[in-house]
Amino acid sequence: REAGKNAVIQDPDGYLISLFEPIFRDKAEQTGGYHGFTPA
C-alpha cells in the first residue's frame, strides 16, 4: 500500500482503508484505537 493516493481499498482484515491519508494514521487507529491522531 502507498500513502497519498486518493483511493479506498479492502484491507485483508475486511475493513476499508482510505489511502487519501498516510498509512501511519491507519496503524495508529488500529493499534491506538483513537481518531485524534494527526499524520506527520
C-alpha atoms as a PDB file:
ATOM      1  CA  ARG A   1       0.000   0.000   0.000  1.00  0.00           C
ATOM      2  CA  GLU A   2       1.142   3.535  -0.708  1.00  0.00           C
ATOM      3  CA  ALA A   3       0.167   6.694   1.133  1.00  0.00           C
ATOM      4  CA  GLY A   4      -1.008   9.802  -0.656  1.00  0.00           C
ATOM      5  CA  LYS A   5      -3.296   8.113  -3.168  1.00  0.00           C
ATOM      6  CA  ASN A   6      -6.941   9.160  -3.196  1.00  0.00           C
ATOM      7  CA  ALA A   7      -8.418   5.671  -3.175  1.00  0.00           C
ATOM      8  CA  VAL A   8     -10.184   3.243  -0.877  1.00  0.00           C
ATOM      9  CA  ILE A   9      -9.078  -0.378  -0.757  1.00  0.00           C
ATOM     10  CA  GLN A  10     -10.259  -3.514   1.004  1.00  0.00           C
ATOM     11  CA  ASP A  11      -7.901  -4.451   3.819  1.00  0.00           C
ATOM     12  CA  PRO A  12      -7.126  -8.162   4.380  1.00  0.00           C
ATOM     13  CA  ASP A  13      -8.798  -7.749   7.774  1.00  0.00           C
ATOM     14  CA  GLY A  14     -12.005  -6.892   5.917  1.00  0.00           C
ATOM     15  CA  TYR A  15     -12.100  -3.203   6.678  1.00  0.00           C
ATOM     16  CA  LEU A  16     -11.876  -0.292   4.283  1.00  0.00           C
ATOM     17  CA  ILE A  17      -8.844   1.949   4.324  1.00  0.00           C
ATOM     18  CA  SER A  18      -8.717   5.336   2.685  1.00  0.00           C
ATOM     19  CA  LEU A  19      -5.341   5.844   1.046  1.00  0.00           C
ATOM     20  CA  PHE A  20      -6.015   9.568   0.999  1.00  0.00           C
ATOM     21  CA  GLU A  21      -4.245   9.730   4.362  1.00  0.00           C
ATOM     22  CA  PRO A  22      -0.843   8.338   5.359  1.00  0.00           C
ATOM     23  CA  ILE A  23      -0.581   4.683   6.331  1.00  0.00           C
ATOM     24  CA  PHE A  24       0.757   5.847   9.705  1.00  0.00           C
ATOM     25  CA  ARG A  25      -2.732   7.099  10.558  1.00  0.00           C
ATOM     26  CA  ASP A  26      -4.209   3.693   9.716  1.00  0.00           C
ATOM     27  CA  LYS A  27      -1.727   1.981  12.012  1.00  0.00           C
ATOM     28  CA  ALA A  28      -2.384   4.493  14.795  1.00  0.00           C
ATOM     29  CA  GLU A  29      -6.131   3.903  14.653  1.00  0.00           C
ATOM     30  CA  GLN A  30      -5.766   0.129  14.588  1.00  0.00           C
ATOM     31  CA  THR A  31      -3.281  -0.061  17.463  1.00  0.00           C
ATOM     32  CA  GLY A  32      -4.227   3.052  19.449  1.00  0.00           C
ATOM     33  CA  GLY A  33      -7.976   2.859  18.989  1.00  0.00           C
ATOM     34  CA  TYR A  34      -8.471   6.616  18.749  1.00  0.00           C
ATOM     35  CA  HIS A  35      -9.159   9.077  15.933  1.00  0.00           C
ATOM     36  CA  GLY A  36      -7.355  12.115  17.314  1.00  0.00           C
ATOM     37  CA  PHE A  37      -4.070  11.195  15.653  1.00  0.00           C
ATOM     38  CA  THR A  38      -2.549  13.852  13.401  1.00  0.00           C
ATOM     39  CA  PRO A  39      -0.465  12.499  10.498  1.00  0.00           C
ATOM     40  CA  ALA A  40       3.043  13.913  10.335  1.00  0.00           C
END
